[in-house]
Amino acid sequence: MSAVGFLRSLSSFAVSAARGITTRAAPIAVGEKVPDVIFKTRVRVPGSTAENPFDWKDITSADLFKGKRAVVFSLPGAFTPTCSSTHLPGYEAAYQEIKSLGVDEVYCLSVNDAFVMRQWGLHQGLPEDKSTGNFQNVKLLPDGAAHFTRGMGMSCVWDTERGFGERSWRYAAVINDMSVEQLFVEAPFVQNSGPDPFQVSDAGTMLDYLKSAK
């Protein structure tokens, strides 16, 4: 990471600390609690005929994970090649099978805002849930300020590589009642990485685990 990228990273982490948001120095481990943060989402306004029939809705980690068993896979960015060609489509295709293995919901998380995540889902051809504005199968989860990503210890800054800035490292997890049941992190986890490894966070690996854990 360049000196400028490092200083920007420190600045953003300082803002998180000031707001009471924990930034982990290392990735979260199996058995540990996931961060309880607020996701800034957009939802459809029932009955609205406005050109933009959406409003903001805060959703917490507890809303998504407390008392539930969920699969979360996280990736560096909406509209990026591997994320769009393989990672998200793989989980979308496996959605029903994953749910049949004792999973309540499947979430795709990225450090992008709600507007970008929605447009990416539409571009991917995901069937929309008209009642919520999210999607019928895999739900797209915007972590625009990287609060969840930092709390998971998965923050990665790409500056000279790709110019992304702060994003999430690629991983997949099973979250059971707010705790990490299983975790698949791509290796090696390197800041400003040139390679984009994609070996263990795919839908196939997740299915293998869920079947073995039945």
N, C-alpha and C. Protein backbone atom coordinates (compact mmCIF):
# COMPACT_ATOMS: atom_id res chain seq x y z
N MET A 1 0.84 -1.18 0.00
CA MET A 1 0.00 0.00 0.00
C MET A 1 0.88 1.24 0.00
N SER A 2 0.51 2.26 -0.77
CA SER A 2 1.28 3.50 -0.79
C SER A 2 1.09 4.27 0.50
N ALA A 3 1.98 5.26 0.72
CA ALA A 3 1.88 6.08 1.93
C ALA A 3 0.56 6.84 1.96
N VAL A 4 0.12 7.35 0.81
CA VAL A 4 -1.15 8.09 0.74
C VAL A 4 -2.31 7.17 1.08
N GLY A 5 -2.30 5.96 0.50
CA GLY A 5 -3.36 5.00 0.79
C GLY A 5 -3.39 4.62 2.25
N PHE A 6 -2.20 4.47 2.85
CA PHE A 6 -2.13 4.11 4.27
C PHE A 6 -2.71 5.22 5.14
N LEU A 7 -2.38 6.48 4.82
CA LEU A 7 -2.89 7.60 5.61
C LEU A 7 -4.41 7.72 5.46
N ARG A 8 -4.92 7.50 4.25
CA ARG A 8 -6.37 7.55 4.05
C ARG A 8 -7.06 6.45 4.84
N SER A 9 -6.43 5.28 4.85
CA SER A 9 -6.98 4.15 5.61
C SER A 9 -7.02 4.49 7.10
N LEU A 10 -5.93 5.06 7.63
CA LEU A 10 -5.91 5.43 9.04
C LEU A 10 -6.98 6.46 9.35
N SER A 11 -7.19 7.41 8.44
CA SER A 11 -8.20 8.44 8.66
C SER A 11 -9.60 7.85 8.73
N SER A 12 -9.91 6.95 7.80
CA SER A 12 -11.23 6.34 7.79
C SER A 12 -11.43 5.47 9.02
N PHE A 13 -10.38 4.78 9.47
CA PHE A 13 -10.49 3.95 10.66
C PHE A 13 -10.70 4.83 11.90
N ALA A 14 -10.07 6.01 11.92
CA ALA A 14 -10.24 6.92 13.06
C ALA A 14 -11.69 7.40 13.15
N VAL A 15 -12.32 7.67 12.01
CA VAL A 15 -13.73 8.07 12.00
C VAL A 15 -14.59 6.94 12.57
N SER A 16 -14.31 5.71 12.16
CA SER A 16 -15.06 4.57 12.67
C SER A 16 -14.91 4.45 14.18
N ALA A 17 -13.69 4.60 14.67
CA ALA A 17 -13.44 4.49 16.11
C ALA A 17 -14.21 5.56 16.87
N ALA A 18 -14.24 6.78 16.31
CA ALA A 18 -14.94 7.88 16.97
C ALA A 18 -16.43 7.61 17.06
N ARG A 19 -16.96 6.82 16.15
CA ARG A 19 -18.39 6.49 16.15
C ARG A 19 -18.68 5.19 16.88
N GLY A 20 -17.68 4.64 17.56
CA GLY A 20 -17.89 3.43 18.33
C GLY A 20 -17.92 2.17 17.50
N ILE A 21 -17.37 2.21 16.30
CA ILE A 21 -17.35 1.06 15.40
C ILE A 21 -15.98 0.41 15.49
N THR A 22 -15.95 -0.86 15.83
CA THR A 22 -14.69 -1.57 16.02
C THR A 22 -14.08 -1.97 14.69
N THR A 23 -12.79 -1.72 14.52
CA THR A 23 -12.05 -2.18 13.35
C THR A 23 -11.06 -3.24 13.82
N ARG A 24 -11.22 -4.43 13.31
CA ARG A 24 -10.35 -5.54 13.71
C ARG A 24 -9.05 -5.50 12.93
N ALA A 25 -7.96 -5.86 13.60
CA ALA A 25 -6.65 -5.91 12.94
C ALA A 25 -6.48 -7.18 12.13
N ALA A 26 -7.23 -8.22 12.48
CA ALA A 26 -7.15 -9.51 11.79
C ALA A 26 -8.55 -10.02 11.52
N PRO A 27 -8.71 -10.89 10.55
CA PRO A 27 -10.05 -11.41 10.24
C PRO A 27 -10.71 -12.10 11.43
N ILE A 28 -12.00 -11.96 11.50
CA ILE A 28 -12.80 -12.61 12.53
C ILE A 28 -12.59 -14.12 12.46
N ALA A 29 -12.82 -14.81 13.57
CA ALA A 29 -12.60 -16.26 13.63
C ALA A 29 -13.91 -16.98 13.89
N VAL A 30 -13.95 -18.25 13.56
CA VAL A 30 -15.11 -19.08 13.84
C VAL A 30 -15.41 -19.04 15.33
N GLY A 31 -16.68 -18.87 15.66
CA GLY A 31 -17.10 -18.80 17.05
C GLY A 31 -17.26 -17.40 17.59
N GLU A 32 -16.70 -16.42 16.90
CA GLU A 32 -16.80 -15.03 17.37
C GLU A 32 -18.07 -14.36 16.86
N LYS A 33 -18.49 -13.33 17.58
CA LYS A 33 -19.68 -12.57 17.22
C LYS A 33 -19.38 -11.61 16.06
N VAL A 34 -20.33 -11.50 15.14
CA VAL A 34 -20.16 -10.55 14.05
C VAL A 34 -20.47 -9.14 14.55
N PRO A 35 -19.96 -8.12 13.89
CA PRO A 35 -20.22 -6.74 14.34
C PRO A 35 -21.69 -6.37 14.19
N ASP A 36 -22.22 -5.66 15.18
CA ASP A 36 -23.59 -5.19 15.12
C ASP A 36 -23.57 -3.75 14.60
N VAL A 37 -23.85 -3.59 13.33
CA VAL A 37 -23.77 -2.28 12.68
C VAL A 37 -25.10 -1.95 12.02
N ILE A 38 -25.18 -0.75 11.47
CA ILE A 38 -26.37 -0.32 10.73
C ILE A 38 -26.04 -0.29 9.23
N PHE A 39 -26.86 -0.97 8.46
CA PHE A 39 -26.76 -0.92 7.00
C PHE A 39 -27.77 0.09 6.48
N LYS A 40 -27.31 1.01 5.66
CA LYS A 40 -28.17 2.02 5.06
C LYS A 40 -28.74 1.45 3.75
N THR A 41 -30.01 1.05 3.79
CA THR A 41 -30.62 0.40 2.63
C THR A 41 -31.72 1.28 2.03
N ARG A 42 -32.15 0.90 0.84
CA ARG A 42 -33.27 1.57 0.17
C ARG A 42 -34.39 0.56 0.01
N VAL A 43 -35.60 0.94 0.37
CA VAL A 43 -36.76 0.06 0.25
C VAL A 43 -37.88 0.76 -0.50
N ARG A 44 -38.72 -0.03 -1.16
CA ARG A 44 -39.86 0.54 -1.86
C ARG A 44 -40.88 1.09 -0.87
N VAL A 45 -41.47 2.23 -1.24
CA VAL A 45 -42.55 2.82 -0.44
C VAL A 45 -43.86 2.23 -0.93
N PRO A 46 -44.58 1.51 -0.10
CA PRO A 46 -45.82 0.86 -0.54
C PRO A 46 -46.81 1.86 -1.14
N GLY A 47 -47.31 1.53 -2.32
CA GLY A 47 -48.32 2.35 -2.97
C GLY A 47 -47.81 3.61 -3.64
N SER A 48 -46.51 3.87 -3.57
CA SER A 48 -45.96 5.09 -4.15
C SER A 48 -45.99 5.03 -5.67
N THR A 49 -46.37 6.15 -6.28
CA THR A 49 -46.34 6.27 -7.75
C THR A 49 -45.25 7.26 -8.19
N ALA A 50 -44.37 7.61 -7.26
CA ALA A 50 -43.29 8.55 -7.56
C ALA A 50 -42.31 7.94 -8.56
N GLU A 51 -41.58 8.81 -9.25
CA GLU A 51 -40.58 8.34 -10.20
C GLU A 51 -39.53 7.50 -9.50
N ASN A 52 -39.20 7.88 -8.28
CA ASN A 52 -38.24 7.13 -7.46
C ASN A 52 -38.97 6.67 -6.20
N PRO A 53 -39.67 5.53 -6.26
CA PRO A 53 -40.54 5.11 -5.14
C PRO A 53 -39.79 4.41 -4.01
N PHE A 54 -38.67 4.97 -3.61
CA PHE A 54 -37.84 4.35 -2.57
C PHE A 54 -37.58 5.34 -1.44
N ASP A 55 -37.31 4.80 -0.27
CA ASP A 55 -36.92 5.61 0.87
C ASP A 55 -35.82 4.86 1.63
N TRP A 56 -35.15 5.58 2.51
CA TRP A 56 -34.08 4.98 3.30
C TRP A 56 -34.66 4.14 4.43
N LYS A 57 -33.97 3.04 4.73
CA LYS A 57 -34.33 2.22 5.88
C LYS A 57 -33.06 1.67 6.52
N ASP A 58 -32.91 1.92 7.81
CA ASP A 58 -31.77 1.38 8.55
C ASP A 58 -32.09 -0.06 8.95
N ILE A 59 -31.17 -0.96 8.63
CA ILE A 59 -31.29 -2.37 9.02
C ILE A 59 -30.03 -2.74 9.78
N THR A 60 -30.19 -3.39 10.92
CA THR A 60 -29.03 -3.74 11.74
C THR A 60 -28.59 -5.18 11.48
N SER A 61 -27.39 -5.47 11.92
CA SER A 61 -26.89 -6.86 11.85
C SER A 61 -27.84 -7.79 12.59
N ALA A 62 -28.35 -7.32 13.73
CA ALA A 62 -29.27 -8.14 14.52
C ALA A 62 -30.55 -8.44 13.75
N ASP A 63 -31.03 -7.47 12.99
CA ASP A 63 -32.23 -7.70 12.17
C ASP A 63 -32.01 -8.85 11.20
N LEU A 64 -30.80 -8.94 10.68
CA LEU A 64 -30.49 -9.94 9.66
C LEU A 64 -30.10 -11.29 10.24
N PHE A 65 -29.39 -11.29 11.38
CA PHE A 65 -28.72 -12.51 11.82
C PHE A 65 -29.16 -13.07 13.17
N LYS A 66 -29.79 -12.25 14.01
CA LYS A 66 -30.15 -12.74 15.35
C LYS A 66 -31.23 -13.81 15.24
N GLY A 67 -30.96 -14.97 15.84
CA GLY A 67 -31.92 -16.06 15.81
C GLY A 67 -32.06 -16.72 14.46
N LYS A 68 -31.13 -16.44 13.54
CA LYS A 68 -31.21 -16.99 12.19
C LYS A 68 -29.87 -17.59 11.78
N ARG A 69 -29.93 -18.41 10.76
CA ARG A 69 -28.71 -18.97 10.16
C ARG A 69 -28.64 -18.45 8.73
N ALA A 70 -27.61 -17.68 8.44
CA ALA A 70 -27.49 -17.02 7.14
C ALA A 70 -26.14 -17.28 6.50
N VAL A 71 -26.13 -17.25 5.20
CA VAL A 71 -24.89 -17.29 4.43
C VAL A 71 -24.60 -15.88 3.93
N VAL A 72 -23.40 -15.41 4.16
CA VAL A 72 -22.96 -14.11 3.64
C VAL A 72 -21.71 -14.35 2.81
N PHE A 73 -21.72 -13.86 1.57
CA PHE A 73 -20.49 -13.86 0.80
C PHE A 73 -20.19 -12.42 0.42
N SER A 74 -18.94 -12.06 0.57
CA SER A 74 -18.53 -10.67 0.38
C SER A 74 -17.48 -10.59 -0.71
N LEU A 75 -17.53 -9.51 -1.47
CA LEU A 75 -16.67 -9.39 -2.64
C LEU A 75 -16.19 -7.95 -2.82
N PRO A 76 -15.15 -7.75 -3.62
CA PRO A 76 -14.54 -6.41 -3.73
C PRO A 76 -15.42 -5.33 -4.37
N GLY A 77 -16.32 -5.69 -5.28
CA GLY A 77 -17.09 -4.60 -5.86
C GLY A 77 -18.14 -5.02 -6.86
N ALA A 78 -19.27 -4.33 -6.81
CA ALA A 78 -20.31 -4.48 -7.83
C ALA A 78 -19.74 -4.14 -9.20
N PHE A 79 -20.21 -4.83 -10.21
CA PHE A 79 -19.86 -4.60 -11.62
C PHE A 79 -18.43 -5.04 -11.96
N THR A 80 -17.68 -5.59 -11.00
CA THR A 80 -16.31 -6.02 -11.30
C THR A 80 -16.33 -7.44 -11.88
N PRO A 81 -15.28 -7.84 -12.60
CA PRO A 81 -15.34 -9.05 -13.44
C PRO A 81 -15.68 -10.35 -12.72
N THR A 82 -14.84 -10.79 -11.77
CA THR A 82 -15.09 -12.08 -11.12
C THR A 82 -16.37 -12.05 -10.30
N CYS A 83 -16.63 -10.93 -9.66
CA CYS A 83 -17.84 -10.78 -8.85
C CYS A 83 -19.09 -10.94 -9.71
N SER A 84 -19.04 -10.39 -10.92
CA SER A 84 -20.20 -10.38 -11.80
C SER A 84 -20.34 -11.64 -12.64
N SER A 85 -19.21 -12.24 -13.01
CA SER A 85 -19.26 -13.40 -13.91
C SER A 85 -19.42 -14.73 -13.17
N THR A 86 -18.95 -14.78 -11.91
CA THR A 86 -18.88 -16.06 -11.22
C THR A 86 -19.41 -16.04 -9.80
N HIS A 87 -18.94 -15.08 -8.99
CA HIS A 87 -19.23 -15.14 -7.56
C HIS A 87 -20.73 -15.00 -7.28
N LEU A 88 -21.32 -13.86 -7.67
CA LEU A 88 -22.76 -13.67 -7.46
C LEU A 88 -23.60 -14.66 -8.26
N PRO A 89 -23.34 -14.88 -9.55
CA PRO A 89 -24.16 -15.85 -10.29
C PRO A 89 -24.13 -17.26 -9.69
N GLY A 90 -22.99 -17.66 -9.13
CA GLY A 90 -22.90 -18.98 -8.53
C GLY A 90 -23.84 -19.14 -7.35
N TYR A 91 -23.88 -18.14 -6.49
CA TYR A 91 -24.78 -18.20 -5.33
C TYR A 91 -26.24 -18.04 -5.75
N GLU A 92 -26.48 -17.23 -6.75
CA GLU A 92 -27.86 -17.08 -7.25
C GLU A 92 -28.38 -18.41 -7.77
N ALA A 93 -27.55 -19.12 -8.52
CA ALA A 93 -27.96 -20.42 -9.07
C ALA A 93 -28.16 -21.47 -7.96
N ALA A 94 -27.41 -21.35 -6.89
CA ALA A 94 -27.47 -22.34 -5.80
C ALA A 94 -28.41 -21.93 -4.68
N TYR A 95 -29.11 -20.81 -4.84
CA TYR A 95 -29.89 -20.22 -3.74
C TYR A 95 -30.86 -21.21 -3.10
N GLN A 96 -31.68 -21.85 -3.90
CA GLN A 96 -32.70 -22.74 -3.34
C GLN A 96 -32.06 -23.94 -2.65
N GLU A 97 -30.98 -24.48 -3.22
CA GLU A 97 -30.31 -25.61 -2.60
C GLU A 97 -29.68 -25.20 -1.27
N ILE A 98 -29.08 -24.02 -1.23
CA ILE A 98 -28.49 -23.53 0.02
C ILE A 98 -29.58 -23.40 1.09
N LYS A 99 -30.72 -22.83 0.73
CA LYS A 99 -31.80 -22.66 1.71
C LYS A 99 -32.35 -24.00 2.19
N SER A 100 -32.30 -24.99 1.32
CA SER A 100 -32.81 -26.32 1.71
C SER A 100 -31.92 -27.01 2.73
N LEU A 101 -30.73 -26.46 2.95
CA LEU A 101 -29.76 -27.05 3.87
C LEU A 101 -29.73 -26.32 5.22
N GLY A 102 -30.88 -25.79 5.60
CA GLY A 102 -31.00 -25.17 6.92
C GLY A 102 -30.53 -23.74 7.00
N VAL A 103 -30.60 -23.02 5.89
CA VAL A 103 -30.18 -21.61 5.85
C VAL A 103 -31.42 -20.73 5.63
N ASP A 104 -31.54 -19.69 6.45
CA ASP A 104 -32.70 -18.80 6.34
C ASP A 104 -32.59 -17.81 5.20
N GLU A 105 -31.37 -17.28 4.95
CA GLU A 105 -31.21 -16.31 3.88
C GLU A 105 -29.77 -16.26 3.41
N VAL A 106 -29.60 -15.76 2.17
CA VAL A 106 -28.28 -15.63 1.56
C VAL A 106 -28.08 -14.16 1.19
N TYR A 107 -26.96 -13.58 1.63
CA TYR A 107 -26.67 -12.17 1.38
C TYR A 107 -25.34 -12.00 0.64
N CYS A 108 -25.35 -11.11 -0.32
CA CYS A 108 -24.13 -10.70 -1.02
C CYS A 108 -23.78 -9.31 -0.53
N LEU A 109 -22.61 -9.18 0.10
CA LEU A 109 -22.20 -7.91 0.69
C LEU A 109 -21.04 -7.31 -0.09
N SER A 110 -21.08 -6.00 -0.25
CA SER A 110 -19.97 -5.28 -0.88
C SER A 110 -19.90 -3.87 -0.32
N VAL A 111 -18.70 -3.31 -0.32
CA VAL A 111 -18.53 -1.92 0.11
C VAL A 111 -18.91 -1.02 -1.08
N ASN A 112 -20.19 -1.00 -1.32
CA ASN A 112 -20.82 -0.11 -2.32
C ASN A 112 -22.10 0.41 -1.69
N ASP A 113 -22.60 1.55 -2.20
CA ASP A 113 -23.83 2.10 -1.63
C ASP A 113 -25.06 1.39 -2.19
N ALA A 114 -26.21 1.68 -1.59
CA ALA A 114 -27.45 1.00 -1.94
C ALA A 114 -27.85 1.22 -3.39
N PHE A 115 -27.56 2.40 -3.94
CA PHE A 115 -27.92 2.70 -5.32
C PHE A 115 -27.13 1.82 -6.29
N VAL A 116 -25.83 1.70 -6.03
CA VAL A 116 -24.97 0.88 -6.89
C VAL A 116 -25.37 -0.59 -6.80
N MET A 117 -25.64 -1.07 -5.58
CA MET A 117 -25.99 -2.48 -5.41
C MET A 117 -27.29 -2.81 -6.13
N ARG A 118 -28.26 -1.93 -6.07
CA ARG A 118 -29.53 -2.18 -6.77
C ARG A 118 -29.31 -2.26 -8.28
N GLN A 119 -28.59 -1.29 -8.82
CA GLN A 119 -28.37 -1.28 -10.26
C GLN A 119 -27.56 -2.49 -10.72
N TRP A 120 -26.63 -2.91 -9.89
CA TRP A 120 -25.86 -4.12 -10.22
C TRP A 120 -26.77 -5.34 -10.28
N GLY A 121 -27.64 -5.47 -9.28
CA GLY A 121 -28.57 -6.59 -9.26
C GLY A 121 -29.46 -6.61 -10.49
N LEU A 122 -29.98 -5.45 -10.88
CA LEU A 122 -30.81 -5.37 -12.07
C LEU A 122 -30.01 -5.74 -13.32
N HIS A 123 -28.77 -5.23 -13.38
CA HIS A 123 -27.90 -5.52 -14.52
C HIS A 123 -27.58 -7.01 -14.60
N GLN A 124 -27.51 -7.67 -13.45
CA GLN A 124 -27.23 -9.10 -13.39
C GLN A 124 -28.46 -9.95 -13.76
N GLY A 125 -29.60 -9.29 -13.86
CA GLY A 125 -30.82 -10.01 -14.19
C GLY A 125 -31.46 -10.72 -13.01
N LEU A 126 -31.12 -10.29 -11.79
CA LEU A 126 -31.73 -10.90 -10.62
C LEU A 126 -33.22 -10.53 -10.57
N PRO A 127 -34.10 -11.49 -10.28
CA PRO A 127 -35.53 -11.17 -10.20
C PRO A 127 -35.81 -10.27 -8.99
N GLU A 128 -36.44 -9.14 -9.23
CA GLU A 128 -36.69 -8.17 -8.16
C GLU A 128 -37.89 -8.56 -7.32
N ASP A 129 -37.78 -8.30 -6.04
CA ASP A 129 -38.92 -8.41 -5.14
C ASP A 129 -39.58 -7.04 -5.10
N LYS A 130 -40.70 -6.89 -5.80
CA LYS A 130 -41.34 -5.59 -5.94
C LYS A 130 -41.88 -5.06 -4.61
N SER A 131 -42.05 -5.93 -3.63
CA SER A 131 -42.59 -5.46 -2.36
C SER A 131 -41.53 -4.80 -1.50
N THR A 132 -40.25 -5.13 -1.74
CA THR A 132 -39.18 -4.57 -0.91
C THR A 132 -38.19 -3.72 -1.69
N GLY A 133 -38.02 -4.03 -2.97
CA GLY A 133 -36.99 -3.34 -3.75
C GLY A 133 -35.67 -4.07 -3.74
N ASN A 134 -35.56 -5.14 -2.94
CA ASN A 134 -34.38 -5.99 -3.01
C ASN A 134 -34.66 -7.07 -4.04
N PHE A 135 -34.12 -8.25 -3.88
CA PHE A 135 -34.28 -9.28 -4.91
C PHE A 135 -34.87 -10.55 -4.30
N GLN A 136 -35.47 -11.38 -5.15
CA GLN A 136 -36.22 -12.54 -4.67
C GLN A 136 -35.32 -13.61 -4.08
N ASN A 137 -34.15 -13.80 -4.64
CA ASN A 137 -33.26 -14.86 -4.17
C ASN A 137 -32.14 -14.25 -3.34
N VAL A 138 -30.92 -14.24 -3.83
CA VAL A 138 -29.83 -13.61 -3.08
C VAL A 138 -30.15 -12.14 -2.83
N LYS A 139 -30.01 -11.72 -1.58
CA LYS A 139 -30.26 -10.33 -1.21
C LYS A 139 -28.94 -9.56 -1.25
N LEU A 140 -28.96 -8.39 -1.89
CA LEU A 140 -27.75 -7.57 -1.98
C LEU A 140 -27.69 -6.62 -0.79
N LEU A 141 -26.56 -6.61 -0.11
CA LEU A 141 -26.42 -5.87 1.15
C LEU A 141 -25.33 -4.81 1.01
N PRO A 142 -25.71 -3.52 1.01
CA PRO A 142 -24.72 -2.45 0.85
C PRO A 142 -24.03 -2.11 2.17
N ASP A 143 -22.72 -2.20 2.16
CA ASP A 143 -21.91 -1.80 3.32
C ASP A 143 -21.08 -0.59 2.90
N GLY A 144 -21.78 0.45 2.47
CA GLY A 144 -21.14 1.59 1.83
C GLY A 144 -20.03 2.25 2.63
N ALA A 145 -20.19 2.32 3.94
CA ALA A 145 -19.17 2.95 4.80
C ALA A 145 -18.19 1.93 5.38
N ALA A 146 -18.32 0.67 4.97
CA ALA A 146 -17.41 -0.42 5.37
C ALA A 146 -17.44 -0.72 6.86
N HIS A 147 -18.51 -0.37 7.55
CA HIS A 147 -18.55 -0.62 8.99
C HIS A 147 -18.57 -2.11 9.31
N PHE A 148 -19.38 -2.88 8.61
CA PHE A 148 -19.42 -4.32 8.84
C PHE A 148 -18.10 -4.95 8.40
N THR A 149 -17.61 -4.52 7.27
CA THR A 149 -16.36 -5.06 6.71
C THR A 149 -15.19 -4.84 7.67
N ARG A 150 -15.09 -3.66 8.24
CA ARG A 150 -14.01 -3.39 9.20
C ARG A 150 -14.18 -4.23 10.45
N GLY A 151 -15.43 -4.36 10.90
CA GLY A 151 -15.69 -5.14 12.11
C GLY A 151 -15.41 -6.62 11.92
N MET A 152 -15.46 -7.08 10.67
CA MET A 152 -15.13 -8.47 10.36
C MET A 152 -13.63 -8.67 10.15
N GLY A 153 -12.88 -7.57 10.15
CA GLY A 153 -11.45 -7.66 9.89
C GLY A 153 -11.15 -7.95 8.44
N MET A 154 -12.05 -7.55 7.53
CA MET A 154 -11.92 -7.88 6.11
C MET A 154 -11.70 -6.65 5.23
N SER A 155 -11.38 -5.52 5.84
CA SER A 155 -11.14 -4.31 5.05
C SER A 155 -9.83 -4.43 4.28
N CYS A 156 -9.89 -4.08 3.02
CA CYS A 156 -8.70 -4.12 2.16
C CYS A 156 -8.69 -2.85 1.31
N VAL A 157 -7.55 -2.20 1.24
CA VAL A 157 -7.42 -0.98 0.45
C VAL A 157 -6.62 -1.27 -0.81
N TRP A 158 -7.26 -1.06 -1.95
CA TRP A 158 -6.56 -1.13 -3.23
C TRP A 158 -6.36 0.29 -3.75
N ASP A 159 -5.12 0.75 -3.80
CA ASP A 159 -4.87 2.09 -4.34
C ASP A 159 -4.14 2.00 -5.67
N THR A 160 -2.85 1.63 -5.66
CA THR A 160 -2.14 1.50 -6.94
C THR A 160 -2.68 0.34 -7.76
N GLU A 161 -3.22 -0.68 -7.10
CA GLU A 161 -3.88 -1.78 -7.80
C GLU A 161 -5.36 -1.46 -7.94
N ARG A 162 -5.83 -1.20 -9.15
CA ARG A 162 -7.24 -1.02 -9.48
C ARG A 162 -7.83 0.33 -9.06
N GLY A 163 -7.23 1.00 -8.08
CA GLY A 163 -7.77 2.30 -7.66
C GLY A 163 -9.11 2.20 -6.96
N PHE A 164 -9.39 1.05 -6.35
CA PHE A 164 -10.69 0.86 -5.69
C PHE A 164 -10.85 1.71 -4.43
N GLY A 165 -9.74 1.95 -3.71
CA GLY A 165 -9.88 2.48 -2.36
C GLY A 165 -10.22 1.36 -1.41
N GLU A 166 -10.94 1.67 -0.34
CA GLU A 166 -11.29 0.66 0.65
C GLU A 166 -12.45 -0.20 0.17
N ARG A 167 -12.27 -1.50 0.21
CA ARG A 167 -13.30 -2.47 -0.16
C ARG A 167 -13.22 -3.66 0.80
N SER A 168 -14.02 -4.67 0.51
CA SER A 168 -13.97 -5.91 1.29
C SER A 168 -13.10 -6.94 0.59
N TRP A 169 -12.31 -7.66 1.38
CA TRP A 169 -11.63 -8.83 0.85
C TRP A 169 -12.70 -9.88 0.54
N ARG A 170 -12.37 -10.79 -0.37
CA ARG A 170 -13.33 -11.81 -0.78
C ARG A 170 -13.38 -12.95 0.26
N TYR A 171 -14.61 -13.22 0.76
CA TYR A 171 -14.79 -14.30 1.72
C TYR A 171 -16.25 -14.76 1.70
N ALA A 172 -16.52 -15.86 2.36
CA ALA A 172 -17.88 -16.33 2.57
C ALA A 172 -17.98 -16.86 4.00
N ALA A 173 -19.16 -16.71 4.59
CA ALA A 173 -19.34 -17.13 5.98
C ALA A 173 -20.74 -17.67 6.20
N VAL A 174 -20.84 -18.58 7.17
CA VAL A 174 -22.13 -18.97 7.71
C VAL A 174 -22.25 -18.28 9.06
N ILE A 175 -23.28 -17.47 9.22
CA ILE A 175 -23.51 -16.75 10.46
C ILE A 175 -24.73 -17.36 11.14
N ASN A 176 -24.52 -17.86 12.34
CA ASN A 176 -25.58 -18.55 13.07
C ASN A 176 -25.86 -17.79 14.36
N ASP A 177 -27.03 -17.13 14.40
CA ASP A 177 -27.43 -16.35 15.58
C ASP A 177 -26.33 -15.38 16.01
N MET A 178 -25.84 -14.60 15.05
CA MET A 178 -24.87 -13.52 15.28
C MET A 178 -23.44 -14.00 15.49
N SER A 179 -23.19 -15.31 15.39
CA SER A 179 -21.83 -15.82 15.55
C SER A 179 -21.38 -16.52 14.26
N VAL A 180 -20.09 -16.52 14.04
CA VAL A 180 -19.54 -17.16 12.84
C VAL A 180 -19.48 -18.66 13.06
N GLU A 181 -20.28 -19.39 12.29
CA GLU A 181 -20.27 -20.85 12.34
C GLU A 181 -19.15 -21.43 11.49
N GLN A 182 -18.98 -20.86 10.30
CA GLN A 182 -17.91 -21.30 9.40
C GLN A 182 -17.46 -20.10 8.56
N LEU A 183 -16.20 -20.14 8.14
CA LEU A 183 -15.62 -19.00 7.43
C LEU A 183 -14.66 -19.49 6.36
N PHE A 184 -14.80 -18.94 5.16
CA PHE A 184 -13.91 -19.25 4.05
C PHE A 184 -13.31 -17.95 3.53
N VAL A 185 -12.05 -17.72 3.80
CA VAL A 185 -11.36 -16.48 3.41
C VAL A 185 -10.35 -16.80 2.32
N GLU A 186 -10.40 -16.05 1.23
CA GLU A 186 -9.43 -16.28 0.17
C GLU A 186 -8.02 -15.94 0.65
N ALA A 187 -7.06 -16.73 0.22
CA ALA A 187 -5.67 -16.54 0.65
C ALA A 187 -4.75 -16.39 -0.56
N PRO A 188 -3.67 -15.62 -0.36
CA PRO A 188 -3.33 -14.87 0.85
C PRO A 188 -4.09 -13.54 0.92
N PHE A 189 -4.47 -13.15 2.13
CA PHE A 189 -5.15 -11.87 2.35
C PHE A 189 -4.07 -10.79 2.37
N VAL A 190 -3.99 -10.01 1.31
CA VAL A 190 -2.93 -9.02 1.15
C VAL A 190 -3.53 -7.67 0.80
N GLN A 191 -3.12 -6.63 1.52
CA GLN A 191 -3.56 -5.28 1.17
C GLN A 191 -3.04 -4.91 -0.22
N ASN A 192 -3.89 -4.21 -1.00
CA ASN A 192 -3.50 -3.74 -2.33
C ASN A 192 -3.02 -4.90 -3.22
N SER A 193 -3.71 -6.02 -3.10
CA SER A 193 -3.28 -7.25 -3.78
C SER A 193 -3.38 -7.12 -5.29
N GLY A 194 -2.39 -7.66 -5.97
CA GLY A 194 -2.46 -7.74 -7.44
C GLY A 194 -3.40 -8.86 -7.86
N PRO A 195 -3.13 -10.10 -7.45
CA PRO A 195 -4.04 -11.21 -7.75
C PRO A 195 -5.37 -11.06 -7.01
N ASP A 196 -6.41 -11.67 -7.57
CA ASP A 196 -7.73 -11.69 -6.95
C ASP A 196 -8.13 -13.14 -6.76
N PRO A 197 -7.63 -13.80 -5.70
CA PRO A 197 -7.89 -15.23 -5.53
C PRO A 197 -9.37 -15.53 -5.35
N PHE A 198 -9.80 -16.62 -5.96
CA PHE A 198 -11.20 -17.05 -5.85
C PHE A 198 -11.23 -18.57 -5.87
N GLN A 199 -10.96 -19.16 -4.71
CA GLN A 199 -10.84 -20.61 -4.59
C GLN A 199 -11.78 -21.21 -3.56
N VAL A 200 -12.09 -20.50 -2.48
CA VAL A 200 -12.82 -21.11 -1.36
C VAL A 200 -14.10 -20.38 -0.96
N SER A 201 -14.36 -19.22 -1.52
CA SER A 201 -15.55 -18.46 -1.13
C SER A 201 -16.70 -18.66 -2.12
N ASP A 202 -16.55 -19.61 -3.02
CA ASP A 202 -17.55 -19.85 -4.06
C ASP A 202 -18.73 -20.64 -3.51
N ALA A 203 -19.80 -20.70 -4.30
CA ALA A 203 -21.02 -21.39 -3.88
C ALA A 203 -20.80 -22.89 -3.73
N GLY A 204 -19.97 -23.49 -4.57
CA GLY A 204 -19.71 -24.92 -4.48
C GLY A 204 -19.09 -25.32 -3.16
N THR A 205 -18.09 -24.55 -2.72
CA THR A 205 -17.45 -24.83 -1.43
C THR A 205 -18.45 -24.67 -0.29
N MET A 206 -19.29 -23.64 -0.38
CA MET A 206 -20.30 -23.42 0.64
C MET A 206 -21.29 -24.58 0.69
N LEU A 207 -21.72 -25.05 -0.47
CA LEU A 207 -22.65 -26.18 -0.50
C LEU A 207 -22.02 -27.43 0.12
N ASP A 208 -20.77 -27.67 -0.19
CA ASP A 208 -20.08 -28.83 0.38
C ASP A 208 -20.08 -28.77 1.90
N TYR A 209 -19.80 -27.58 2.45
CA TYR A 209 -19.80 -27.43 3.89
C TYR A 209 -21.20 -27.66 4.49
N LEU A 210 -22.20 -27.03 3.89
CA LEU A 210 -23.56 -27.12 4.43
C LEU A 210 -24.06 -28.57 4.42
N LYS A 211 -23.70 -29.30 3.38
CA LYS A 211 -24.11 -30.72 3.32
C LYS A 211 -23.41 -31.53 4.41
N SER A 212 -22.14 -31.22 4.64
CA SER A 212 -21.38 -31.95 5.67
C SER A 212 -21.83 -31.61 7.08
N ALA A 213 -22.45 -30.43 7.25
CA ALA A 213 -22.83 -29.96 8.57
C ALA A 213 -24.27 -30.35 8.93
N LYS A 214 -24.97 -31.03 8.02
CA LYS A 214 -26.35 -31.42 8.29
C LYS A 214 -26.44 -32.42 9.45
